[in-house]
C-alpha atoms as a PDB file:
ATOM      1  CA  MET A   1      62.532  70.700  31.348  1.00  0.00           C
ATOM      2  CA  SER A   2      65.166  70.050  34.125  1.00  0.00           C
ATOM      3  CA  ASP A   3      64.619  70.617  37.558  1.00  0.00           C
ATOM      4  CA  SER A   4      66.224  72.800  39.645  1.00  0.00           C
ATOM      5  CA  VAL A   5      68.177  71.847  42.689  1.00  0.00           C
ATOM      6  CA  VAL A   6      67.733  74.368  45.148  1.00  0.00           C
ATOM      7  CA  MET A   7      70.977  74.598  47.855  1.00  0.00           C
ATOM      8  CA  LYS A   8      70.208  75.809  51.612  1.00  0.00           C
ATOM      9  CA  LYS A   9      72.728  77.471  53.346  1.00  0.00           C
ATOM     10  CA  LYS A  10      73.641  75.504  56.376  1.00  0.00           C
ATOM     11  CA  GLU A  11      72.603  77.252  59.409  1.00  0.00           C
ATOM     12  CA  ALA A  12      74.497  77.490  62.425  1.00  0.00           C
ATOM     13  CA  GLY A  13      73.523  75.478  65.172  1.00  0.00           C
ATOM     14  CA  PRO A  14      73.631  76.355  69.066  1.00  0.00           C
ATOM     15  CA  VAL A  15      76.834  74.806  69.951  1.00  0.00           C
ATOM     16  CA  GLN A  16      78.723  75.943  66.771  1.00  0.00           C
ATOM     17  CA  LEU A  17      77.621  79.702  68.096  1.00  0.00           C
ATOM     18  CA  VAL A  18      78.474  78.903  71.543  1.00  0.00           C
ATOM     19  CA  VAL A  19      81.840  77.797  70.540  1.00  0.00           C
ATOM     20  CA  THR A  20      82.657  80.590  68.027  1.00  0.00           C
ATOM     21  CA  LEU A  21      81.146  83.017  70.999  1.00  0.00           C
ATOM     22  CA  PHE A  22      83.417  81.330  73.711  1.00  0.00           C
ATOM     23  CA  ALA A  23      86.674  81.655  71.103  1.00  0.00           C
ATOM     24  CA  ILE A  24      85.832  85.526  70.286  1.00  0.00           C
ATOM     25  CA  SER A  25      85.608  86.076  74.411  1.00  0.00           C
ATOM     26  CA  ALA A  26      88.962  84.090  75.187  1.00  0.00           C
ATOM     27  CA  ILE A  27      90.993  86.214  72.725  1.00  0.00           C
ATOM     28  CA  CYS A  28      89.669  89.362  74.068  1.00  0.00           C
ATOM     29  CA  ALA A  29      90.735  88.587  77.504  1.00  0.00           C
ATOM     30  CA  VAL A  30      93.763  87.705  76.735  1.00  0.00           C
ATOM     31  CA  LEU A  31      94.550  90.797  74.893  1.00  0.00           C
ATOM     32  CA  LEU A  32      93.451  92.956  77.619  1.00  0.00           C
ATOM     33  CA  GLY A  33      95.350  90.628  79.997  1.00  0.00           C
ATOM     34  CA  LEU A  34      98.054  91.493  77.662  1.00  0.00           C
ATOM     35  CA  VAL A  35      97.629  95.259  77.779  1.00  0.00           C
ATOM     36  CA  ASN A  36      96.660  95.330  81.418  1.00  0.00           C
ATOM     37  CA  ASN A  37     100.041  93.941  81.960  1.00  0.00           C
ATOM     38  CA  ILE A  38     102.341  96.236  79.670  1.00  0.00           C
ATOM     39  CA  THR A  39     100.630  99.588  81.035  1.00  0.00           C
ATOM     40  CA  MET A  40     100.814  98.378  85.120  1.00  0.00           C
ATOM     41  CA  GLY A  41     104.539  99.288  85.132  1.00  0.00           C
ATOM     42  CA  PRO A  42     104.007 102.511  83.392  1.00  0.00           C
ATOM     43  CA  ILE A  43     100.719 103.858  85.065  1.00  0.00           C
ATOM     44  CA  GLU A  44     102.218 102.812  88.600  1.00  0.00           C
ATOM     45  CA  VAL A  45     105.773 105.405  87.905  1.00  0.00           C
ATOM     46  CA  ALA A  46     103.316 107.820  86.770  1.00  0.00           C
ATOM     47  CA  THR A  47     100.805 108.137  89.853  1.00  0.00           C
ATOM     48  CA  GLN A  48     104.016 107.676  92.079  1.00  0.00           C
ATOM     49  CA  ALA A  49     105.383 110.771  90.086  1.00  0.00           C
ATOM     50  CA  LYS A  50     102.379 112.609  90.730  1.00  0.00           C
ATOM     51  CA  THR A  51     102.302 111.947  94.652  1.00  0.00           C
ATOM     52  CA  GLU A  52     105.772 112.625  95.082  1.00  0.00           C
ATOM     53  CA  ALA A  53     105.090 116.306  93.263  1.00  0.00           C
ATOM     54  CA  ALA A  54     102.195 116.919  95.313  1.00  0.00           C
ATOM     55  CA  MET A  55     103.898 116.021  98.108  1.00  0.00           C
ATOM     56  CA  GLU A  56     106.702 118.482  97.259  1.00  0.00           C
ATOM     57  CA  ALA A  57     104.122 121.105  96.460  1.00  0.00           C
ATOM     58  CA  VAL A  58     102.511 120.999  99.682  1.00  0.00           C
ATOM     59  CA  LEU A  59     105.462 120.981 101.802  1.00  0.00           C
ATOM     60  CA  PRO A  60     108.668 120.948 101.115  1.00  0.00           C
ATOM     61  CA  ALA A  61     111.201 118.634 102.296  1.00  0.00           C
ATOM     62  CA  ASP A  62     114.067 116.362 101.573  1.00  0.00           C
ATOM     63  CA  ALA A  63     112.628 112.653 101.873  1.00  0.00           C
ATOM     64  CA  TYR A  64     109.546 112.108 103.001  1.00  0.00           C
ATOM     65  CA  GLU A  65     108.903 108.760 105.165  1.00  0.00           C
ATOM     66  CA  GLU A  66     105.802 106.739 105.473  1.00  0.00           C
ATOM     67  CA  VAL A  67     104.492 106.830 108.876  1.00  0.00           C
ATOM     68  CA  GLU A  68     101.756 103.898 110.468  1.00  0.00           C
ATOM     69  CA  TYR A  69      98.373 105.636 110.740  1.00  0.00           C
ATOM     70  CA  THR A  70      95.953 103.931 113.088  1.00  0.00           C
ATOM     71  CA  GLY A  71      93.836 106.430 113.598  1.00  0.00           C
ATOM     72  CA  GLY A  72      91.019 104.957 111.896  1.00  0.00           C
ATOM     73  CA  ASP A  73      89.543 108.101 110.035  1.00  0.00           C
ATOM     74  CA  PRO A  74      89.024 106.188 106.296  1.00  0.00           C
ATOM     75  CA  LEU A  75      89.619 109.747 104.626  1.00  0.00           C
ATOM     76  CA  VAL A  76      92.776 109.639 105.136  1.00  0.00           C
ATOM     77  CA  THR A  77      94.667 106.700 102.974  1.00  0.00           C
ATOM     78  CA  ALA A  78      98.090 108.007 104.150  1.00  0.00           C
ATOM     79  CA  VAL A  79     100.777 109.375 106.137  1.00  0.00           C
ATOM     80  CA  TYR A  80     104.408 111.084 105.424  1.00  0.00           C
ATOM     81  CA  LYS A  81     106.637 112.549 107.838  1.00  0.00           C
ATOM     82  CA  ALA A  82     108.437 115.539 106.163  1.00  0.00           C
ATOM     83  CA  GLY A  83     111.354 115.722 108.317  1.00  0.00           C
ATOM     84  CA  ASP A  84     111.523 118.465 110.504  1.00  0.00           C
ATOM     85  CA  ALA A  85     108.775 120.452 108.993  1.00  0.00           C
ATOM     86  CA  GLY A  86     105.435 118.194 109.572  1.00  0.00           C
ATOM     87  CA  TYR A  87     103.875 115.979 107.958  1.00  0.00           C
ATOM     88  CA  VAL A  88     101.995 115.025 104.255  1.00  0.00           C
ATOM     89  CA  VAL A  89      98.698 113.574 104.522  1.00  0.00           C
ATOM     90  CA  GLN A  90      96.830 111.615 101.708  1.00  0.00           C
ATOM     91  CA  VAL A  91      93.196 111.834 101.780  1.00  0.00           C
ATOM     92  CA  ALA A  92      90.061 110.546  99.733  1.00  0.00           C
ATOM     93  CA  PRO A  93      87.136 112.352 100.542  1.00  0.00           C
ATOM     94  CA  SER A  94      83.876 112.007  98.450  1.00  0.00           C
ATOM     95  CA  GLY A  95      83.174 114.888  95.629  1.00  0.00           C
ATOM     96  CA  PHE A  96      80.110 115.259  93.309  1.00  0.00           C
ATOM     97  CA  GLY A  97      81.871 113.294  90.598  1.00  0.00           C
ATOM     98  CA  GLY A  98      83.329 110.468  92.930  1.00  0.00           C
ATOM     99  CA  VAL A  99      86.368 110.474  95.137  1.00  0.00           C
ATOM    100  CA  LEU A 100      88.912 113.211  95.168  1.00  0.00           C
ATOM    101  CA  ASP A 101      92.617 112.079  95.921  1.00  0.00           C
ATOM    102  CA  VAL A 102      93.991 114.850  97.981  1.00  0.00           C
ATOM    103  CA  MET A 103      97.509 115.672  99.244  1.00  0.00           C
ATOM    104  CA  VAL A 104      96.961 118.105 102.386  1.00  0.00           C
ATOM    105  CA  GLY A 105     100.460 119.438 104.196  1.00  0.00           C
ATOM    106  CA  VAL A 106     100.402 120.059 107.769  1.00  0.00           C
ATOM    107  CA  ASN A 107     102.573 122.230 109.612  1.00  0.00           C
ATOM    108  CA  THR A 108     104.052 121.168 113.083  1.00  0.00           C
ATOM    109  CA  ASP A 109     101.552 123.579 114.433  1.00  0.00           C
ATOM    110  CA  GLY A 110      98.995 121.636 113.162  1.00  0.00           C
ATOM    111  CA  THR A 111      98.217 124.337 110.354  1.00  0.00           C
ATOM    112  CA  CYS A 112      97.935 123.315 106.862  1.00  0.00           C
ATOM    113  CA  SER A 113     100.854 124.600 104.794  1.00  0.00           C
ATOM    114  CA  GLY A 114      98.995 123.606 101.596  1.00  0.00           C
ATOM    115  CA  VAL A 115      96.503 121.218  99.753  1.00  0.00           C
ATOM    116  CA  SER A 116      96.831 119.323  96.244  1.00  0.00           C
ATOM    117  CA  ILE A 117      94.489 117.586  94.445  1.00  0.00           C
ATOM    118  CA  ILE A 118      96.316 114.723  92.767  1.00  0.00           C
ATOM    119  CA  SER A 119      93.372 113.248  90.903  1.00  0.00           C
ATOM    120  CA  HIS A 120      89.526 113.991  90.680  1.00  0.00           C
ATOM    121  CA  SER A 121      86.267 113.335  88.464  1.00  0.00           C
ATOM    122  CA  GLU A 122      84.553 116.326  89.140  1.00  0.00           C
ATOM    123  CA  THR A 123      82.518 118.286  86.496  1.00  0.00           C
ATOM    124  CA  SER A 124      84.876 120.216  84.002  1.00  0.00           C
ATOM    125  CA  GLY A 125      84.590 123.634  84.758  1.00  0.00           C
ATOM    126  CA  LEU A 126      82.820 123.453  88.195  1.00  0.00           C
ATOM    127  CA  GLY A 127      84.243 120.878  90.759  1.00  0.00           C
ATOM    128  CA  ALA A 128      87.451 120.780  89.138  1.00  0.00           C
ATOM    129  CA  ASN A 129      88.153 124.148  89.441  1.00  0.00           C
ATOM    130  CA  ALA A 130      89.091 122.831  93.143  1.00  0.00           C
ATOM    131  CA  THR A 131      92.373 122.392  91.484  1.00  0.00           C
ATOM    132  CA  LYS A 132      93.520 125.900  90.845  1.00  0.00           C
ATOM    133  CA  GLU A 133      95.572 128.189  93.145  1.00  0.00           C
ATOM    134  CA  ASP A 134      92.719 130.520  94.458  1.00  0.00           C
ATOM    135  CA  PHE A 135      90.793 127.860  95.551  1.00  0.00           C
ATOM    136  CA  ARG A 136      93.514 125.854  97.457  1.00  0.00           C
ATOM    137  CA  SER A 137      95.437 128.513  98.658  1.00  0.00           C
ATOM    138  CA  GLN A 138      92.272 129.487 100.921  1.00  0.00           C
ATOM    139  CA  PHE A 139      93.574 126.810 103.355  1.00  0.00           C
ATOM    140  CA  VAL A 140      97.106 127.888 103.782  1.00  0.00           C
ATOM    141  CA  GLY A 141      97.303 129.103 108.004  1.00  0.00           C
ATOM    142  CA  LYS A 142      94.169 127.416 109.001  1.00  0.00           C
ATOM    143  CA  SER A 143      93.351 124.464 111.509  1.00  0.00           C
ATOM    144  CA  ASN A 144      90.011 123.849 111.190  1.00  0.00           C
ATOM    145  CA  VAL A 145      88.094 124.677 107.882  1.00  0.00           C
ATOM    146  CA  ALA A 146      84.799 124.839 106.650  1.00  0.00           C
ATOM    147  CA  VAL A 147      83.001 126.158 103.990  1.00  0.00           C
ATOM    148  CA  THR A 148      81.197 129.868 104.315  1.00  0.00           C
ATOM    149  CA  LYS A 149      77.839 128.578 103.807  1.00  0.00           C
ATOM    150  CA  ASP A 150      78.846 126.431 107.007  1.00  0.00           C
ATOM    151  CA  GLY A 151      79.877 128.936 108.577  1.00  0.00           C
ATOM    152  CA  GLY A 152      83.467 129.167 107.885  1.00  0.00           C
ATOM    153  CA  ASP A 153      85.852 130.837 106.052  1.00  0.00           C
ATOM    154  CA  ILE A 154      86.129 128.544 102.486  1.00  0.00           C
ATOM    155  CA  ALA A 155      84.578 130.429  99.131  1.00  0.00           C
ATOM    156  CA  ALA A 156      83.041 127.552  98.188  1.00  0.00           C
ATOM    157  CA  LEU A 157      83.543 127.387  94.049  1.00  0.00           C
ATOM    158  CA  THR A 158      80.330 128.809  92.508  1.00  0.00           C
ATOM    159  CA  GLY A 159      78.084 125.660  91.295  1.00  0.00           C
ATOM    160  CA  ALA A 160      80.448 123.012  93.595  1.00  0.00           C
ATOM    161  CA  THR A 161      79.511 123.472  97.010  1.00  0.00           C
ATOM    162  CA  ILE A 162      79.675 119.430  97.146  1.00  0.00           C
ATOM    163  CA  THR A 163      83.066 119.370  96.032  1.00  0.00           C
ATOM    164  CA  SER A 164      84.150 122.355  98.036  1.00  0.00           C
ATOM    165  CA  ARG A 165      83.115 120.671 101.256  1.00  0.00           C
ATOM    166  CA  ALA A 166      84.928 117.624 100.257  1.00  0.00           C
ATOM    167  CA  VAL A 167      88.098 118.973 100.042  1.00  0.00           C
ATOM    168  CA  CYS A 168      87.423 120.920 103.393  1.00  0.00           C
ATOM    169  CA  SER A 169      86.742 117.346 105.084  1.00  0.00           C
ATOM    170  CA  GLY A 170      89.793 116.162 103.755  1.00  0.00           C
ATOM    171  CA  VAL A 171      91.494 118.698 105.006  1.00  0.00           C
ATOM    172  CA  ASN A 172      90.016 118.571 108.549  1.00  0.00           C
ATOM    173  CA  ALA A 173      90.963 114.874 108.490  1.00  0.00           C
ATOM    174  CA  ALA A 174      94.400 115.348 107.558  1.00  0.00           C
ATOM    175  CA  ILE A 175      94.860 117.772 110.525  1.00  0.00           C
ATOM    176  CA  ALA A 176      93.115 115.641 112.707  1.00  0.00           C
ATOM    177  CA  ALA A 177      95.324 112.422 111.913  1.00  0.00           C
ATOM    178  CA  VAL A 178      98.520 114.577 112.252  1.00  0.00           C
ATOM    179  CA  GLY A 179      96.862 115.315 115.953  1.00  0.00           C
ATOM    180  CA  THR A 180      96.671 111.765 116.799  1.00  0.00           C
ATOM    181  CA  LEU A 181     100.521 111.178 115.774  1.00  0.00           C
ATOM    182  CA  GLY A 182     101.519 113.970 118.158  1.00  0.00           C
END
C-alpha cells in the first residue's frame, strides 16, 4: 500500500488579507475620484442652468446681478437684483424629506412675483406636488404667507403640510431679505 500524501491549501494570513483589502479599497477610491472629476463640471453646468431657468420663471429680467446679503437669515442662500423689476432670492427651507431649493421672485412693491422649486427630496405624490403650478401660483401677489391651518390663505398640499409650511417660510424669508436691502 502506498502512503497518500494529503496536500493542504495554504491559508491566507492576516497580513495578506489586510494588503488585499487595502489594494481593493485604493482601487475603488481612485475610480470614485476619477468619476467625480469627470462628472463635476457637467453637474455644475446643469445646476447653473436650472437656477437661471428658475430665476427667469419667477421674475423675468434682462440680467441678474448677485447682491451681497448680510441680513443673517440662514434660509437665504443668494440674492440677485433683477434689473428694475425687483429681486430674485434663493432660499433653502427644510421640508419633510429634507431641504428644498426654492427661488422666489420679489417685486419692487415687496410682493411675491413667483415661486420655483429648483430641487427637493419630498415624498412623491405628496410634498413633491409643491412643484405644481396650482400650488405655486397661490403665492403670487402676496407679501406675507401662511397655510390656512396657521391662519393664512395658502391651501396646504394634501398630506404635505410640512412641505407647504416650508415653502411659506421660504417665501416669507425671501420677502424679508429684500426688505433689508431697500
